[in-house]
C-alpha atoms as a PDB file:
ATOM      1  CA  UNK A   1     -18.916  12.228 -11.270  1.00  0.00           C
ATOM      2  CA  UNK A   2     -18.472  11.828  -7.337  1.00  0.00           C
ATOM      3  CA  UNK A   3     -19.431   8.740  -5.527  1.00  0.00           C
ATOM      4  CA  UNK A   4     -22.647   9.009  -3.886  1.00  0.00           C
ATOM      5  CA  UNK A   5     -25.794   7.186  -3.192  1.00  0.00           C
ATOM      6  CA  UNK A   6     -29.789   7.718  -3.593  1.00  0.00           C
ATOM      7  CA  UNK A   7     -31.623   8.620  -0.516  1.00  0.00           C
ATOM      8  CA  UNK A   8     -35.241   9.758   0.119  1.00  0.00           C
ATOM      9  CA  UNK A   9     -36.352  13.129   2.213  1.00  0.00           C
ATOM     10  CA  UNK A  10     -39.925  13.674   3.420  1.00  0.00           C
ATOM     11  CA  UNK A  11     -41.736  17.064   3.204  1.00  0.00           C
ATOM     12  CA  UNK A  12     -45.074  18.354   4.971  1.00  0.00           C
ATOM     13  CA  UNK A  13     -47.112  19.433   2.442  1.00  0.00           C
ATOM     14  CA  UNK A  14     -49.118  22.021   4.831  1.00  0.00           C
ATOM     15  CA  UNK A  15     -45.916  23.475   6.257  1.00  0.00           C
ATOM     16  CA  UNK A  16     -43.508  22.570   3.636  1.00  0.00           C
ATOM     17  CA  UNK A  17     -41.216  21.809   6.031  1.00  0.00           C
ATOM     18  CA  UNK A  18     -38.804  18.596   5.845  1.00  0.00           C
ATOM     19  CA  UNK A  19     -38.559  15.849   8.476  1.00  0.00           C
ATOM     20  CA  UNK A  20     -35.243  15.571  10.357  1.00  0.00           C
ATOM     21  CA  UNK A  21     -33.890  13.776  13.582  1.00  0.00           C
ATOM     22  CA  UNK A  22     -33.834  15.761  16.610  1.00  0.00           C
ATOM     23  CA  UNK A  23     -32.936  14.489  19.839  1.00  0.00           C
ATOM     24  CA  UNK A  24     -33.991  10.980  19.014  1.00  0.00           C
ATOM     25  CA  UNK A  25     -37.429  12.095  18.120  1.00  0.00           C
ATOM     26  CA  UNK A  26     -38.476  13.624  14.857  1.00  0.00           C
ATOM     27  CA  UNK A  27     -38.219  17.322  14.173  1.00  0.00           C
ATOM     28  CA  UNK A  28     -38.976  19.965  11.271  1.00  0.00           C
ATOM     29  CA  UNK A  29     -36.628  22.090   9.382  1.00  0.00           C
ATOM     30  CA  UNK A  30     -37.198  24.355   6.329  1.00  0.00           C
ATOM     31  CA  UNK A  31     -33.688  23.721   5.010  1.00  0.00           C
ATOM     32  CA  UNK A  32     -33.269  20.748   2.540  1.00  0.00           C
ATOM     33  CA  UNK A  33     -29.557  20.079   3.485  1.00  0.00           C
ATOM     34  CA  UNK A  34     -30.755  19.670   7.045  1.00  0.00           C
ATOM     35  CA  UNK A  35     -33.530  17.172   6.431  1.00  0.00           C
ATOM     36  CA  UNK A  36     -33.479  13.531   7.591  1.00  0.00           C
ATOM     37  CA  UNK A  37     -32.268  10.881   4.755  1.00  0.00           C
ATOM     38  CA  UNK A  38     -33.842   7.758   4.567  1.00  0.00           C
ATOM     39  CA  UNK A  39     -31.920   4.962   2.845  1.00  0.00           C
ATOM     40  CA  UNK A  40     -35.183   3.046   1.788  1.00  0.00           C
ATOM     41  CA  UNK A  41     -38.406   4.560   0.412  1.00  0.00           C
ATOM     42  CA  UNK A  42     -40.379   2.266   2.602  1.00  0.00           C
ATOM     43  CA  UNK A  43     -38.806   3.569   5.566  1.00  0.00           C
ATOM     44  CA  UNK A  44     -39.587   6.927   4.448  1.00  0.00           C
ATOM     45  CA  UNK A  45     -43.005   6.095   3.815  1.00  0.00           C
ATOM     46  CA  UNK A  46     -43.858   4.440   6.947  1.00  0.00           C
ATOM     47  CA  UNK A  47     -42.047   7.480   8.974  1.00  0.00           C
ATOM     48  CA  UNK A  48     -44.009   9.805   7.120  1.00  0.00           C
ATOM     49  CA  UNK A  49     -47.496   8.202   7.089  1.00  0.00           C
ATOM     50  CA  UNK A  50     -47.014   7.809  11.047  1.00  0.00           C
ATOM     51  CA  UNK A  51     -45.673  11.500  11.586  1.00  0.00           C
ATOM     52  CA  UNK A  52     -47.883  13.362   8.983  1.00  0.00           C
ATOM     53  CA  UNK A  53     -50.895  11.093   8.138  1.00  0.00           C
ATOM     54  CA  UNK A  54     -51.560  12.000   4.457  1.00  0.00           C
ATOM     55  CA  UNK A  55     -50.080  15.193   3.736  1.00  0.00           C
ATOM     56  CA  UNK A  56     -46.569  14.583   2.456  1.00  0.00           C
ATOM     57  CA  UNK A  57     -44.397  14.279  -0.501  1.00  0.00           C
ATOM     58  CA  UNK A  58     -41.166  11.956  -0.840  1.00  0.00           C
ATOM     59  CA  UNK A  59     -38.367  13.117  -2.898  1.00  0.00           C
ATOM     60  CA  UNK A  60     -35.311  11.252  -4.140  1.00  0.00           C
ATOM     61  CA  UNK A  61     -31.984  13.229  -3.456  1.00  0.00           C
ATOM     62  CA  UNK A  62     -28.513  12.183  -4.582  1.00  0.00           C
ATOM     63  CA  UNK A  63     -25.935  12.447  -1.508  1.00  0.00           C
ATOM     64  CA  UNK A  64     -22.484  12.913  -2.447  1.00  0.00           C
ATOM     65  CA  UNK A  65     -20.083  10.590  -0.414  1.00  0.00           C
END
């Protein structure tokens, strides 16, 4: 098994796009592999709440190092 770590991604439930970093701000992408990865659930939640309000889903992903 490859070394890796757990990370979290945020998905907008209205557009189904994932949050991503873009030019120092928050952008959107339909592609999971381009989604921004958060190291901590709380950080993902706080960002999602600020940017999206209540319509979001946080998923756990395995990031291979």
